mmCIF file of all heavy atoms, coordinates in Angstrom:
data_MODEL
# 
_entry.id   MODEL 
# 
loop_
_atom_site.group_PDB 
_atom_site.id 
_atom_site.type_symbol 
_atom_site.label_atom_id 
_atom_site.label_alt_id 
_atom_site.label_comp_id 
_atom_site.label_asym_id 
_atom_site.label_entity_id 
_atom_site.label_seq_id 
_atom_site.pdbx_PDB_ins_code 
_atom_site.Cartn_x 
_atom_site.Cartn_y 
_atom_site.Cartn_z 
_atom_site.occupancy 
_atom_site.B_iso_or_equiv 
_atom_site.pdbx_formal_charge 
_atom_site.auth_seq_id 
_atom_site.auth_comp_id 
_atom_site.auth_asym_id 
_atom_site.auth_atom_id 
_atom_site.pdbx_PDB_model_num 
ATOM 1   N N   . GLY A 1 1  ? -312.376 -11.662 135.432 1.00 0.00 ? 1  GLY A N   1 
ATOM 2   C CA  . GLY A 1 1  ? -313.036 -12.923 135.897 1.00 0.00 ? 1  GLY A CA  1 
ATOM 3   C C   . GLY A 1 1  ? -314.466 -12.568 136.255 1.00 0.00 ? 1  GLY A C   1 
ATOM 4   O O   . GLY A 1 1  ? -315.036 -11.541 136.018 1.00 0.00 ? 1  GLY A O   1 
ATOM 5   N N   . TRP A 1 2  ? -314.992 -13.486 137.098 1.00 0.00 ? 2  TRP A N   1 
ATOM 6   C CA  . TRP A 1 2  ? -316.411 -13.376 137.638 1.00 0.00 ? 2  TRP A CA  1 
ATOM 7   C C   . TRP A 1 2  ? -316.532 -13.931 138.953 1.00 0.00 ? 2  TRP A C   1 
ATOM 8   O O   . TRP A 1 2  ? -315.655 -14.741 139.346 1.00 0.00 ? 2  TRP A O   1 
ATOM 9   C CB  . TRP A 1 2  ? -317.400 -13.922 136.659 1.00 0.00 ? 2  TRP A CB  1 
ATOM 10  C CG  . TRP A 1 2  ? -317.294 -15.401 136.526 1.00 0.00 ? 2  TRP A CG  1 
ATOM 11  C CD1 . TRP A 1 2  ? -317.948 -16.422 137.275 1.00 0.00 ? 2  TRP A CD1 1 
ATOM 12  C CD2 . TRP A 1 2  ? -316.716 -16.103 135.475 1.00 0.00 ? 2  TRP A CD2 1 
ATOM 13  N NE1 . TRP A 1 2  ? -317.659 -17.646 136.870 1.00 0.00 ? 2  TRP A NE1 1 
ATOM 14  C CE2 . TRP A 1 2  ? -316.840 -17.536 135.680 1.00 0.00 ? 2  TRP A CE2 1 
ATOM 15  C CE3 . TRP A 1 2  ? -315.842 -15.663 134.423 1.00 0.00 ? 2  TRP A CE3 1 
ATOM 16  C CZ2 . TRP A 1 2  ? -316.360 -18.530 134.899 1.00 0.00 ? 2  TRP A CZ2 1 
ATOM 17  C CZ3 . TRP A 1 2  ? -315.306 -16.768 133.649 1.00 0.00 ? 2  TRP A CZ3 1 
ATOM 18  C CH2 . TRP A 1 2  ? -315.637 -18.130 133.875 1.00 0.00 ? 2  TRP A CH2 1 
ATOM 19  N N   . ARG A 1 3  ? -317.602 -13.555 139.611 1.00 0.00 ? 3  ARG A N   1 
ATOM 20  C CA  . ARG A 1 3  ? -317.812 -14.179 140.965 1.00 0.00 ? 3  ARG A CA  1 
ATOM 21  C C   . ARG A 1 3  ? -319.328 -14.237 141.232 1.00 0.00 ? 3  ARG A C   1 
ATOM 22  O O   . ARG A 1 3  ? -320.101 -13.511 140.735 1.00 0.00 ? 3  ARG A O   1 
ATOM 23  C CB  . ARG A 1 3  ? -317.091 -13.348 142.069 1.00 0.00 ? 3  ARG A CB  1 
ATOM 24  C CG  . ARG A 1 3  ? -317.467 -11.935 142.246 1.00 0.00 ? 3  ARG A CG  1 
ATOM 25  C CD  . ARG A 1 3  ? -316.663 -11.144 143.266 1.00 0.00 ? 3  ARG A CD  1 
ATOM 26  N NE  . ARG A 1 3  ? -315.390 -10.855 142.723 1.00 0.00 ? 3  ARG A NE  1 
ATOM 27  C CZ  . ARG A 1 3  ? -314.222 -11.228 143.411 1.00 0.00 ? 3  ARG A CZ  1 
ATOM 28  N NH1 . ARG A 1 3  ? -314.281 -11.963 144.421 1.00 0.00 ? 3  ARG A NH1 1 
ATOM 29  N NH2 . ARG A 1 3  ? -312.991 -10.917 142.787 1.00 0.00 ? 3  ARG A NH2 1 
ATOM 30  N N   . TRP A 1 4  ? -319.627 -15.297 142.030 1.00 0.00 ? 4  TRP A N   1 
ATOM 31  C CA  . TRP A 1 4  ? -320.993 -15.458 142.496 1.00 0.00 ? 4  TRP A CA  1 
ATOM 32  C C   . TRP A 1 4  ? -320.963 -16.167 143.782 1.00 0.00 ? 4  TRP A C   1 
ATOM 33  O O   . TRP A 1 4  ? -319.809 -16.500 144.393 1.00 0.00 ? 4  TRP A O   1 
ATOM 34  C CB  . TRP A 1 4  ? -321.794 -16.222 141.408 1.00 0.00 ? 4  TRP A CB  1 
ATOM 35  C CG  . TRP A 1 4  ? -321.481 -17.557 141.194 1.00 0.00 ? 4  TRP A CG  1 
ATOM 36  C CD1 . TRP A 1 4  ? -320.323 -18.104 140.570 1.00 0.00 ? 4  TRP A CD1 1 
ATOM 37  C CD2 . TRP A 1 4  ? -322.187 -18.729 141.540 1.00 0.00 ? 4  TRP A CD2 1 
ATOM 38  N NE1 . TRP A 1 4  ? -320.345 -19.380 140.497 1.00 0.00 ? 4  TRP A NE1 1 
ATOM 39  C CE2 . TRP A 1 4  ? -321.438 -19.916 141.170 1.00 0.00 ? 4  TRP A CE2 1 
ATOM 40  C CE3 . TRP A 1 4  ? -323.341 -18.916 142.130 1.00 0.00 ? 4  TRP A CE3 1 
ATOM 41  C CZ2 . TRP A 1 4  ? -321.930 -21.285 141.327 1.00 0.00 ? 4  TRP A CZ2 1 
ATOM 42  C CZ3 . TRP A 1 4  ? -323.818 -20.293 142.338 1.00 0.00 ? 4  TRP A CZ3 1 
ATOM 43  C CH2 . TRP A 1 4  ? -323.172 -21.393 141.978 1.00 0.00 ? 4  TRP A CH2 1 
ATOM 44  N N   . ASP A 1 5  ? -322.167 -16.439 144.484 1.00 0.00 ? 5  ASP A N   1 
ATOM 45  C CA  . ASP A 1 5  ? -322.166 -17.054 145.785 1.00 0.00 ? 5  ASP A CA  1 
ATOM 46  C C   . ASP A 1 5  ? -321.416 -18.430 145.751 1.00 0.00 ? 5  ASP A C   1 
ATOM 47  O O   . ASP A 1 5  ? -321.019 -18.768 146.761 1.00 0.00 ? 5  ASP A O   1 
ATOM 48  C CB  . ASP A 1 5  ? -323.650 -17.268 146.185 1.00 0.00 ? 5  ASP A CB  1 
ATOM 49  C CG  . ASP A 1 5  ? -324.361 -15.988 146.389 1.00 0.00 ? 5  ASP A CG  1 
ATOM 50  O OD1 . ASP A 1 5  ? -323.650 -14.953 146.531 1.00 0.00 ? 5  ASP A OD1 1 
ATOM 51  O OD2 . ASP A 1 5  ? -325.594 -16.019 146.472 1.00 0.00 ? 5  ASP A OD2 1 
ATOM 52  N N   . GLY A 1 6  ? -321.412 -19.107 144.673 1.00 0.00 ? 6  GLY A N   1 
ATOM 53  C CA  . GLY A 1 6  ? -320.793 -20.376 144.521 1.00 0.00 ? 6  GLY A CA  1 
ATOM 54  C C   . GLY A 1 6  ? -319.273 -20.341 144.311 1.00 0.00 ? 6  GLY A C   1 
ATOM 55  O O   . GLY A 1 6  ? -318.593 -21.398 144.297 1.00 0.00 ? 6  GLY A O   1 
ATOM 56  N N   . GLY A 1 7  ? -318.624 -19.155 144.121 1.00 0.00 ? 7  GLY A N   1 
ATOM 57  C CA  . GLY A 1 7  ? -317.245 -19.150 143.907 1.00 0.00 ? 7  GLY A CA  1 
ATOM 58  C C   . GLY A 1 7  ? -316.836 -18.046 142.957 1.00 0.00 ? 7  GLY A C   1 
ATOM 59  O O   . GLY A 1 7  ? -317.668 -17.124 142.572 1.00 0.00 ? 7  GLY A O   1 
ATOM 60  N N   . GLU A 1 8  ? -315.700 -18.034 142.551 1.00 0.00 ? 8  GLU A N   1 
ATOM 61  C CA  . GLU A 1 8  ? -315.099 -17.120 141.480 1.00 0.00 ? 8  GLU A CA  1 
ATOM 62  C C   . GLU A 1 8  ? -314.179 -17.786 140.554 1.00 0.00 ? 8  GLU A C   1 
ATOM 63  O O   . GLU A 1 8  ? -313.620 -18.807 140.959 1.00 0.00 ? 8  GLU A O   1 
ATOM 64  C CB  . GLU A 1 8  ? -314.523 -15.938 142.260 1.00 0.00 ? 8  GLU A CB  1 
ATOM 65  C CG  . GLU A 1 8  ? -313.235 -16.239 143.060 1.00 0.00 ? 8  GLU A CG  1 
ATOM 66  C CD  . GLU A 1 8  ? -312.709 -15.072 143.746 1.00 0.00 ? 8  GLU A CD  1 
ATOM 67  O OE1 . GLU A 1 8  ? -313.281 -14.741 144.775 1.00 0.00 ? 8  GLU A OE1 1 
ATOM 68  O OE2 . GLU A 1 8  ? -311.671 -14.564 143.255 1.00 0.00 ? 8  GLU A OE2 1 
ATOM 69  N N   . LEU A 1 9  ? -313.875 -17.129 139.413 1.00 0.00 ? 9  LEU A N   1 
ATOM 70  C CA  . LEU A 1 9  ? -312.966 -17.673 138.468 1.00 0.00 ? 9  LEU A CA  1 
ATOM 71  C C   . LEU A 1 9  ? -312.272 -16.563 137.818 1.00 0.00 ? 9  LEU A C   1 
ATOM 72  O O   . LEU A 1 9  ? -312.982 -15.483 137.447 1.00 0.00 ? 9  LEU A O   1 
ATOM 73  C CB  . LEU A 1 9  ? -313.673 -18.555 137.487 1.00 0.00 ? 9  LEU A CB  1 
ATOM 74  C CG  . LEU A 1 9  ? -312.732 -19.289 136.533 1.00 0.00 ? 9  LEU A CG  1 
ATOM 75  C CD1 . LEU A 1 9  ? -311.942 -20.413 137.334 1.00 0.00 ? 9  LEU A CD1 1 
ATOM 76  C CD2 . LEU A 1 9  ? -313.420 -19.882 135.355 1.00 0.00 ? 9  LEU A CD2 1 
ATOM 77  N N   . ARG A 1 10 ? -311.019 -16.624 137.642 1.00 0.00 ? 10 ARG A N   1 
ATOM 78  C CA  . ARG A 1 10 ? -310.265 -15.625 136.916 1.00 0.00 ? 10 ARG A CA  1 
ATOM 79  C C   . ARG A 1 10 ? -310.083 -16.083 135.447 1.00 0.00 ? 10 ARG A C   1 
ATOM 80  O O   . ARG A 1 10 ? -309.842 -17.302 135.249 1.00 0.00 ? 10 ARG A O   1 
ATOM 81  C CB  . ARG A 1 10 ? -308.894 -15.339 137.509 1.00 0.00 ? 10 ARG A CB  1 
ATOM 82  C CG  . ARG A 1 10 ? -308.893 -14.907 138.979 1.00 0.00 ? 10 ARG A CG  1 
ATOM 83  C CD  . ARG A 1 10 ? -309.570 -13.601 139.258 1.00 0.00 ? 10 ARG A CD  1 
ATOM 84  N NE  . ARG A 1 10 ? -308.807 -12.530 138.618 1.00 0.00 ? 10 ARG A NE  1 
ATOM 85  C CZ  . ARG A 1 10 ? -309.122 -11.289 138.457 1.00 0.00 ? 10 ARG A CZ  1 
ATOM 86  N NH1 . ARG A 1 10 ? -310.339 -10.895 138.908 1.00 0.00 ? 10 ARG A NH1 1 
ATOM 87  N NH2 . ARG A 1 10 ? -308.367 -10.324 137.980 1.00 0.00 ? 10 ARG A NH2 1 
ATOM 88  N N   . VAL A 1 11 ? -310.141 -15.238 134.480 1.00 0.00 ? 11 VAL A N   1 
ATOM 89  C CA  . VAL A 1 11 ? -309.796 -15.555 133.115 1.00 0.00 ? 11 VAL A CA  1 
ATOM 90  C C   . VAL A 1 11 ? -308.337 -15.379 132.820 1.00 0.00 ? 11 VAL A C   1 
ATOM 91  O O   . VAL A 1 11 ? -307.670 -14.562 133.448 1.00 0.00 ? 11 VAL A O   1 
ATOM 92  C CB  . VAL A 1 11 ? -310.660 -14.885 132.103 1.00 0.00 ? 11 VAL A CB  1 
ATOM 93  C CG1 . VAL A 1 11 ? -312.114 -15.150 132.223 1.00 0.00 ? 11 VAL A CG1 1 
ATOM 94  C CG2 . VAL A 1 11 ? -310.469 -13.359 132.188 1.00 0.00 ? 11 VAL A CG2 1 
ATOM 95  N N   . ASP A 1 12 ? -307.770 -16.162 131.949 1.00 0.00 ? 12 ASP A N   1 
ATOM 96  C CA  . ASP A 1 12 ? -306.468 -16.045 131.572 1.00 0.00 ? 12 ASP A CA  1 
ATOM 97  C C   . ASP A 1 12 ? -306.144 -14.845 130.632 1.00 0.00 ? 12 ASP A C   1 
ATOM 98  O O   . ASP A 1 12 ? -306.749 -14.809 129.581 1.00 0.00 ? 12 ASP A O   1 
ATOM 99  C CB  . ASP A 1 12 ? -305.969 -17.357 130.833 1.00 0.00 ? 12 ASP A CB  1 
ATOM 100 C CG  . ASP A 1 12 ? -306.099 -18.634 131.782 1.00 0.00 ? 12 ASP A CG  1 
ATOM 101 O OD1 . ASP A 1 12 ? -305.898 -18.386 133.010 1.00 0.00 ? 12 ASP A OD1 1 
ATOM 102 O OD2 . ASP A 1 12 ? -306.286 -19.713 131.306 1.00 0.00 ? 12 ASP A OD2 1 
ATOM 103 N N   . PRO A 1 13 ? -305.273 -13.984 130.980 1.00 0.00 ? 13 PRO A N   1 
ATOM 104 C CA  . PRO A 1 13 ? -304.993 -12.914 129.986 1.00 0.00 ? 13 PRO A CA  1 
ATOM 105 C C   . PRO A 1 13 ? -304.450 -13.526 128.691 1.00 0.00 ? 13 PRO A C   1 
ATOM 106 O O   . PRO A 1 13 ? -303.732 -14.648 128.744 1.00 0.00 ? 13 PRO A O   1 
ATOM 107 C CB  . PRO A 1 13 ? -303.856 -12.151 130.697 1.00 0.00 ? 13 PRO A CB  1 
ATOM 108 C CG  . PRO A 1 13 ? -303.999 -12.470 132.204 1.00 0.00 ? 13 PRO A CG  1 
ATOM 109 C CD  . PRO A 1 13 ? -304.548 -13.925 132.192 1.00 0.00 ? 13 PRO A CD  1 
ATOM 110 N N   . PRO A 1 14 ? -304.642 -13.084 127.619 1.00 0.00 ? 14 PRO A N   1 
ATOM 111 C CA  . PRO A 1 14 ? -305.216 -11.592 127.345 1.00 0.00 ? 14 PRO A CA  1 
ATOM 112 C C   . PRO A 1 14 ? -306.746 -11.554 127.299 1.00 0.00 ? 14 PRO A C   1 
ATOM 113 O O   . PRO A 1 14 ? -307.345 -10.587 126.942 1.00 0.00 ? 14 PRO A O   1 
ATOM 114 C CB  . PRO A 1 14 ? -304.601 -11.288 126.014 1.00 0.00 ? 14 PRO A CB  1 
ATOM 115 C CG  . PRO A 1 14 ? -304.562 -12.508 125.256 1.00 0.00 ? 14 PRO A CG  1 
ATOM 116 C CD  . PRO A 1 14 ? -304.217 -13.601 126.292 1.00 0.00 ? 14 PRO A CD  1 
ATOM 117 N N   . LEU A 1 15 ? -307.408 -12.669 127.669 1.00 0.00 ? 15 LEU A N   1 
ATOM 118 C CA  . LEU A 1 15 ? -308.906 -12.630 127.666 1.00 0.00 ? 15 LEU A CA  1 
ATOM 119 C C   . LEU A 1 15 ? -309.412 -11.802 128.758 1.00 0.00 ? 15 LEU A C   1 
ATOM 120 O O   . LEU A 1 15 ? -308.825 -11.554 129.751 1.00 0.00 ? 15 LEU A O   1 
ATOM 121 C CB  . LEU A 1 15 ? -309.400 -14.077 127.896 1.00 0.00 ? 15 LEU A CB  1 
ATOM 122 C CG  . LEU A 1 15 ? -308.991 -15.225 126.901 1.00 0.00 ? 15 LEU A CG  1 
ATOM 123 C CD1 . LEU A 1 15 ? -309.462 -16.605 127.389 1.00 0.00 ? 15 LEU A CD1 1 
ATOM 124 C CD2 . LEU A 1 15 ? -309.425 -14.804 125.566 1.00 0.00 ? 15 LEU A CD2 1 
ATOM 125 N N   . ARG A 1 16 ? -310.591 -11.228 128.367 1.00 0.00 ? 16 ARG A N   1 
ATOM 126 C CA  . ARG A 1 16 ? -311.263 -10.238 129.350 1.00 0.00 ? 16 ARG A CA  1 
ATOM 127 C C   . ARG A 1 16 ? -312.764 -10.635 129.328 1.00 0.00 ? 16 ARG A C   1 
ATOM 128 O O   . ARG A 1 16 ? -313.254 -11.035 128.218 1.00 0.00 ? 16 ARG A O   1 
ATOM 129 C CB  . ARG A 1 16 ? -311.107 -8.796  128.842 1.00 0.00 ? 16 ARG A CB  1 
ATOM 130 C CG  . ARG A 1 16 ? -309.731 -8.350  129.043 1.00 0.00 ? 16 ARG A CG  1 
ATOM 131 C CD  . ARG A 1 16 ? -309.469 -6.910  128.768 1.00 0.00 ? 16 ARG A CD  1 
ATOM 132 N NE  . ARG A 1 16 ? -310.541 -5.915  129.195 1.00 0.00 ? 16 ARG A NE  1 
ATOM 133 C CZ  . ARG A 1 16 ? -310.791 -5.488  130.413 1.00 0.00 ? 16 ARG A CZ  1 
ATOM 134 N NH1 . ARG A 1 16 ? -309.956 -5.877  131.367 1.00 0.00 ? 16 ARG A NH1 1 
ATOM 135 N NH2 . ARG A 1 16 ? -311.773 -4.691  130.741 1.00 0.00 ? 16 ARG A NH2 1 
ATOM 136 N N   . LEU A 1 17 ? -313.451 -10.378 130.430 1.00 0.00 ? 17 LEU A N   1 
ATOM 137 C CA  . LEU A 1 17 ? -314.768 -10.580 130.535 1.00 0.00 ? 17 LEU A CA  1 
ATOM 138 C C   . LEU A 1 17 ? -315.500 -9.233  130.816 1.00 0.00 ? 17 LEU A C   1 
ATOM 139 O O   . LEU A 1 17 ? -315.079 -8.505  131.701 1.00 0.00 ? 17 LEU A O   1 
ATOM 140 C CB  . LEU A 1 17 ? -315.140 -11.555 131.686 1.00 0.00 ? 17 LEU A CB  1 
ATOM 141 C CG  . LEU A 1 17 ? -316.646 -11.790 131.860 1.00 0.00 ? 17 LEU A CG  1 
ATOM 142 C CD1 . LEU A 1 17 ? -317.291 -12.469 130.703 1.00 0.00 ? 17 LEU A CD1 1 
ATOM 143 C CD2 . LEU A 1 17 ? -316.897 -12.625 133.204 1.00 0.00 ? 17 LEU A CD2 1 
ATOM 144 N N   . GLU A 1 18 ? -316.474 -8.888  129.934 1.00 0.00 ? 18 GLU A N   1 
ATOM 145 C CA  . GLU A 1 18 ? -317.233 -7.684  130.143 1.00 0.00 ? 18 GLU A CA  1 
ATOM 146 C C   . GLU A 1 18 ? -318.711 -7.875  130.253 1.00 0.00 ? 18 GLU A C   1 
ATOM 147 O O   . GLU A 1 18 ? -319.295 -8.884  129.615 1.00 0.00 ? 18 GLU A O   1 
ATOM 148 C CB  . GLU A 1 18 ? -316.915 -6.771  128.919 1.00 0.00 ? 18 GLU A CB  1 
ATOM 149 C CG  . GLU A 1 18 ? -315.474 -6.373  128.801 1.00 0.00 ? 18 GLU A CG  1 
ATOM 150 C CD  . GLU A 1 18 ? -315.184 -5.741  127.395 1.00 0.00 ? 18 GLU A CD  1 
ATOM 151 O OE1 . GLU A 1 18 ? -316.116 -5.485  126.637 1.00 0.00 ? 18 GLU A OE1 1 
ATOM 152 O OE2 . GLU A 1 18 ? -314.020 -5.366  127.203 1.00 0.00 ? 18 GLU A OE2 1 
ATOM 153 N N   . ALA A 1 19 ? -319.317 -7.097  131.128 1.00 0.00 ? 19 ALA A N   1 
ATOM 154 C CA  . ALA A 1 19 ? -320.699 -7.146  131.322 1.00 0.00 ? 19 ALA A CA  1 
ATOM 155 C C   . ALA A 1 19 ? -321.261 -5.845  131.859 1.00 0.00 ? 19 ALA A C   1 
ATOM 156 O O   . ALA A 1 19 ? -320.506 -5.259  132.689 1.00 0.00 ? 19 ALA A O   1 
ATOM 157 C CB  . ALA A 1 19 ? -321.134 -8.288  132.176 1.00 0.00 ? 19 ALA A CB  1 
ATOM 158 N N   . ASP A 1 20 ? -322.319 -5.345  131.289 1.00 0.00 ? 20 ASP A N   1 
ATOM 159 C CA  . ASP A 1 20 ? -322.960 -4.077  131.891 1.00 0.00 ? 20 ASP A CA  1 
ATOM 160 C C   . ASP A 1 20 ? -323.547 -4.242  133.165 1.00 0.00 ? 20 ASP A C   1 
ATOM 161 O O   . ASP A 1 20 ? -323.585 -3.370  134.047 1.00 0.00 ? 20 ASP A O   1 
ATOM 162 C CB  . ASP A 1 20 ? -323.930 -3.494  130.950 1.00 0.00 ? 20 ASP A CB  1 
ATOM 163 C CG  . ASP A 1 20 ? -323.303 -2.995  129.626 1.00 0.00 ? 20 ASP A CG  1 
ATOM 164 O OD1 . ASP A 1 20 ? -322.049 -2.709  129.608 1.00 0.00 ? 20 ASP A OD1 1 
ATOM 165 O OD2 . ASP A 1 20 ? -323.928 -3.022  128.553 1.00 0.00 ? 20 ASP A OD2 1 
ATOM 166 N N   . VAL A 1 21 ? -324.262 -5.413  133.371 1.00 0.00 ? 21 VAL A N   1 
ATOM 167 C CA  . VAL A 1 21 ? -325.009 -5.761  134.568 1.00 0.00 ? 21 VAL A CA  1 
ATOM 168 C C   . VAL A 1 21 ? -324.810 -7.167  134.961 1.00 0.00 ? 21 VAL A C   1 
ATOM 169 O O   . VAL A 1 21 ? -324.453 -8.028  134.106 1.00 0.00 ? 21 VAL A O   1 
ATOM 170 C CB  . VAL A 1 21 ? -326.499 -5.522  134.485 1.00 0.00 ? 21 VAL A CB  1 
ATOM 171 C CG1 . VAL A 1 21 ? -326.727 -4.010  134.139 1.00 0.00 ? 21 VAL A CG1 1 
ATOM 172 C CG2 . VAL A 1 21 ? -327.111 -6.448  133.423 1.00 0.00 ? 21 VAL A CG2 1 
ATOM 173 N N   . PRO A 1 22 ? -324.874 -7.584  136.208 1.00 0.00 ? 22 PRO A N   1 
ATOM 174 C CA  . PRO A 1 22 ? -324.706 -8.954  136.630 1.00 0.00 ? 22 PRO A CA  1 
ATOM 175 C C   . PRO A 1 22 ? -325.855 -9.811  136.134 1.00 0.00 ? 22 PRO A C   1 
ATOM 176 O O   . PRO A 1 22 ? -326.990 -9.180  135.901 1.00 0.00 ? 22 PRO A O   1 
ATOM 177 C CB  . PRO A 1 22 ? -324.628 -8.874  138.107 1.00 0.00 ? 22 PRO A CB  1 
ATOM 178 C CG  . PRO A 1 22 ? -325.009 -7.573  138.507 1.00 0.00 ? 22 PRO A CG  1 
ATOM 179 C CD  . PRO A 1 22 ? -325.008 -6.631  137.365 1.00 0.00 ? 22 PRO A CD  1 
ATOM 180 N N   . ALA A 1 23 ? -325.687 -10.960 136.047 1.00 0.00 ? 23 ALA A N   1 
ATOM 181 C CA  . ALA A 1 23 ? -326.774 -11.912 135.714 1.00 0.00 ? 23 ALA A CA  1 
ATOM 182 C C   . ALA A 1 23 ? -327.556 -12.263 137.081 1.00 0.00 ? 23 ALA A C   1 
ATOM 183 O O   . ALA A 1 23 ? -326.787 -12.596 138.108 1.00 0.00 ? 23 ALA A O   1 
ATOM 184 C CB  . ALA A 1 23 ? -326.331 -13.224 135.084 1.00 0.00 ? 23 ALA A CB  1 
ATOM 185 N N   . THR A 1 24 ? -328.810 -11.910 137.231 1.00 0.00 ? 24 THR A N   1 
ATOM 186 C CA  . THR A 1 24 ? -329.534 -12.234 138.479 1.00 0.00 ? 24 THR A CA  1 
ATOM 187 C C   . THR A 1 24 ? -330.593 -13.246 138.062 1.00 0.00 ? 24 THR A C   1 
ATOM 188 O O   . THR A 1 24 ? -331.468 -12.985 137.156 1.00 0.00 ? 24 THR A O   1 
ATOM 189 C CB  . THR A 1 24 ? -330.233 -10.967 139.013 1.00 0.00 ? 24 THR A CB  1 
ATOM 190 O OG1 . THR A 1 24 ? -329.193 -10.031 139.267 1.00 0.00 ? 24 THR A OG1 1 
ATOM 191 C CG2 . THR A 1 24 ? -330.864 -11.265 140.224 1.00 0.00 ? 24 THR A CG2 1 
# 
């Protein structure tokens, strides 16, 4: 999933979220 100041969300398996760096 992902998180930020406004909240967080989990992705439903088997989905995955990948990122090398956060979005700023």
